[in-house]
Amino acid sequence: MDFLGLAPWTLSLEPWSALSLVVYVAGVVWGLVAIDARPAARLGLALVWPVGPLAFVVTIAILLAASLIAFPLFGLAVLAAAGVMWWVLT
């Protein structure tokens, strides 16, 4: 079983997963130290802090998708740009 690049028989991390683990642990430590709340709330917020940035990305993606429909000229421009990028990169 290989979970996030961590194989139980090697105990080594891939560089990207090691970096993401360091960032997550730093966020948990910061959340435990800096949040002014009761211990249970501190622990809960510290463990689920990545949900906030993920929610931001999802919200922006939804707004972008809605703007493609609400503003057809913008949608046409995005479609043309995507076509040009696909043509250039392939």
C-alpha atoms as a PDB file:
ATOM      1  CA  MET A   1       0.000   0.000   0.000  1.00  0.00           C
ATOM      2  CA  ASP A   2       1.358   3.391  -0.992  1.00  0.00           C
ATOM      3  CA  PHE A   3      -0.334   6.350   0.719  1.00  0.00           C
ATOM      4  CA  LEU A   4       0.837   9.842  -0.324  1.00  0.00           C
ATOM      5  CA  GLY A   5       4.151   8.443  -1.441  1.00  0.00           C
ATOM      6  CA  LEU A   6       4.744   6.792   1.942  1.00  0.00           C
ATOM      7  CA  ALA A   7       5.428   3.109   1.489  1.00  0.00           C
ATOM      8  CA  PRO A   8       5.415   1.224   4.810  1.00  0.00           C
ATOM      9  CA  TRP A   9       8.492  -0.799   3.936  1.00  0.00           C
ATOM     10  CA  THR A  10      10.671   2.179   2.951  1.00  0.00           C
ATOM     11  CA  LEU A  11       9.437   5.013   5.199  1.00  0.00           C
ATOM     12  CA  SER A  12      10.443   7.624   2.633  1.00  0.00           C
ATOM     13  CA  LEU A  13       8.398  10.471   1.153  1.00  0.00           C
ATOM     14  CA  GLU A  14       8.306  11.838  -2.353  1.00  0.00           C
ATOM     15  CA  PRO A  15       9.475  15.484  -2.444  1.00  0.00           C
ATOM     16  CA  TRP A  16       6.004  16.921  -3.170  1.00  0.00           C
ATOM     17  CA  SER A  17       4.334  14.920  -0.428  1.00  0.00           C
ATOM     18  CA  ALA A  18       7.083  15.762   2.047  1.00  0.00           C
ATOM     19  CA  LEU A  19       6.573  19.463   1.317  1.00  0.00           C
ATOM     20  CA  SER A  20       2.805  19.197   1.635  1.00  0.00           C
ATOM     21  CA  LEU A  21       3.209  17.306   4.923  1.00  0.00           C
ATOM     22  CA  VAL A  22       5.533  20.021   6.266  1.00  0.00           C
ATOM     23  CA  VAL A  23       3.073  22.758   5.245  1.00  0.00           C
ATOM     24  CA  TYR A  24       0.158  20.871   6.828  1.00  0.00           C
ATOM     25  CA  VAL A  25       2.029  20.229  10.085  1.00  0.00           C
ATOM     26  CA  ALA A  26       3.147  23.870  10.217  1.00  0.00           C
ATOM     27  CA  GLY A  27      -0.487  24.918   9.807  1.00  0.00           C
ATOM     28  CA  VAL A  28      -1.586  22.558  12.570  1.00  0.00           C
ATOM     29  CA  VAL A  29       1.084  23.867  14.940  1.00  0.00           C
ATOM     30  CA  TRP A  30       0.225  27.471  14.083  1.00  0.00           C
ATOM     31  CA  GLY A  31      -3.453  26.725  14.618  1.00  0.00           C
ATOM     32  CA  LEU A  32      -2.815  25.130  18.004  1.00  0.00           C
ATOM     33  CA  VAL A  33      -0.666  28.053  19.146  1.00  0.00           C
ATOM     34  CA  ALA A  34      -2.326  31.108  17.606  1.00  0.00           C
ATOM     35  CA  ILE A  35      -6.070  30.405  17.807  1.00  0.00           C
ATOM     36  CA  ASP A  36      -7.827  32.007  20.764  1.00  0.00           C
ATOM     37  CA  ALA A  37     -10.384  29.292  21.518  1.00  0.00           C
ATOM     38  CA  ARG A  38     -11.060  26.372  23.800  1.00  0.00           C
ATOM     39  CA  PRO A  39      -8.807  23.318  23.359  1.00  0.00           C
ATOM     40  CA  ALA A  40     -11.388  21.243  21.442  1.00  0.00           C
ATOM     41  CA  ALA A  41     -12.058  24.094  19.006  1.00  0.00           C
ATOM     42  CA  ARG A  42      -8.323  24.701  18.614  1.00  0.00           C
ATOM     43  CA  LEU A  43      -7.708  21.074  17.759  1.00  0.00           C
ATOM     44  CA  GLY A  44     -10.636  20.909  15.335  1.00  0.00           C
ATOM     45  CA  LEU A  45      -9.676  24.073  13.480  1.00  0.00           C
ATOM     46  CA  ALA A  46      -6.021  23.123  13.422  1.00  0.00           C
ATOM     47  CA  LEU A  47      -6.774  19.756  11.830  1.00  0.00           C
ATOM     48  CA  VAL A  48      -9.181  21.001   9.131  1.00  0.00           C
ATOM     49  CA  TRP A  49      -7.462  24.273   8.155  1.00  0.00           C
ATOM     50  CA  PRO A  50      -6.812  23.196   4.502  1.00  0.00           C
ATOM     51  CA  VAL A  51     -10.575  23.234   3.868  1.00  0.00           C
ATOM     52  CA  GLY A  52     -10.542  27.068   3.784  1.00  0.00           C
ATOM     53  CA  PRO A  53      -8.167  27.503   0.813  1.00  0.00           C
ATOM     54  CA  LEU A  54      -9.842  24.596  -0.981  1.00  0.00           C
ATOM     55  CA  ALA A  55     -13.236  26.255  -0.535  1.00  0.00           C
ATOM     56  CA  PHE A  56     -11.774  29.463  -1.999  1.00  0.00           C
ATOM     57  CA  VAL A  57     -10.522  27.624  -5.101  1.00  0.00           C
ATOM     58  CA  VAL A  58     -13.874  25.869  -5.582  1.00  0.00           C
ATOM     59  CA  THR A  59     -15.752  29.172  -5.221  1.00  0.00           C
ATOM     60  CA  ILE A  60     -13.555  30.911  -7.800  1.00  0.00           C
ATOM     61  CA  ALA A  61     -13.954  27.968 -10.208  1.00  0.00           C
ATOM     62  CA  ILE A  62     -17.750  28.103  -9.858  1.00  0.00           C
ATOM     63  CA  LEU A  63     -17.780  31.877 -10.425  1.00  0.00           C
ATOM     64  CA  LEU A  64     -15.586  31.466 -13.505  1.00  0.00           C
ATOM     65  CA  ALA A  65     -17.864  28.745 -14.901  1.00  0.00           C
ATOM     66  CA  ALA A  66     -20.935  30.905 -14.265  1.00  0.00           C
ATOM     67  CA  SER A  67     -19.301  33.889 -15.952  1.00  0.00           C
ATOM     68  CA  LEU A  68     -18.733  31.802 -19.074  1.00  0.00           C
ATOM     69  CA  ILE A  69     -22.492  31.375 -19.350  1.00  0.00           C
ATOM     70  CA  ALA A  70     -23.571  34.805 -18.074  1.00  0.00           C
ATOM     71  CA  PHE A  71     -21.173  36.712 -20.328  1.00  0.00           C
ATOM     72  CA  PRO A  72     -21.012  34.937 -23.718  1.00  0.00           C
ATOM     73  CA  LEU A  73     -18.247  37.147 -25.137  1.00  0.00           C
ATOM     74  CA  PHE A  74     -16.054  36.340 -22.150  1.00  0.00           C
ATOM     75  CA  GLY A  75     -16.887  32.655 -22.611  1.00  0.00           C
ATOM     76  CA  LEU A  76     -15.968  32.872 -26.282  1.00  0.00           C
ATOM     77  CA  ALA A  77     -12.654  34.541 -25.396  1.00  0.00           C
ATOM     78  CA  VAL A  78     -11.852  31.839 -22.831  1.00  0.00           C
ATOM     79  CA  LEU A  79     -12.782  29.120 -25.312  1.00  0.00           C
ATOM     80  CA  ALA A  80     -10.571  30.716 -27.983  1.00  0.00           C
ATOM     81  CA  ALA A  81      -7.669  31.072 -25.532  1.00  0.00           C
ATOM     82  CA  ALA A  82      -8.042  27.445 -24.480  1.00  0.00           C
ATOM     83  CA  GLY A  83      -8.060  26.369 -28.126  1.00  0.00           C
ATOM     84  CA  VAL A  84      -4.936  28.382 -28.900  1.00  0.00           C
ATOM     85  CA  MET A  85      -3.147  26.986 -25.820  1.00  0.00           C
ATOM     86  CA  TRP A  86      -4.137  23.435 -26.790  1.00  0.00           C
ATOM     87  CA  TRP A  87      -2.882  24.016 -30.337  1.00  0.00           C
ATOM     88  CA  VAL A  88       0.411  25.541 -29.139  1.00  0.00           C
ATOM     89  CA  LEU A  89       1.105  22.895 -26.504  1.00  0.00           C
ATOM     90  CA  THR A  90       0.342  19.846 -28.682  1.00  0.00           C
END
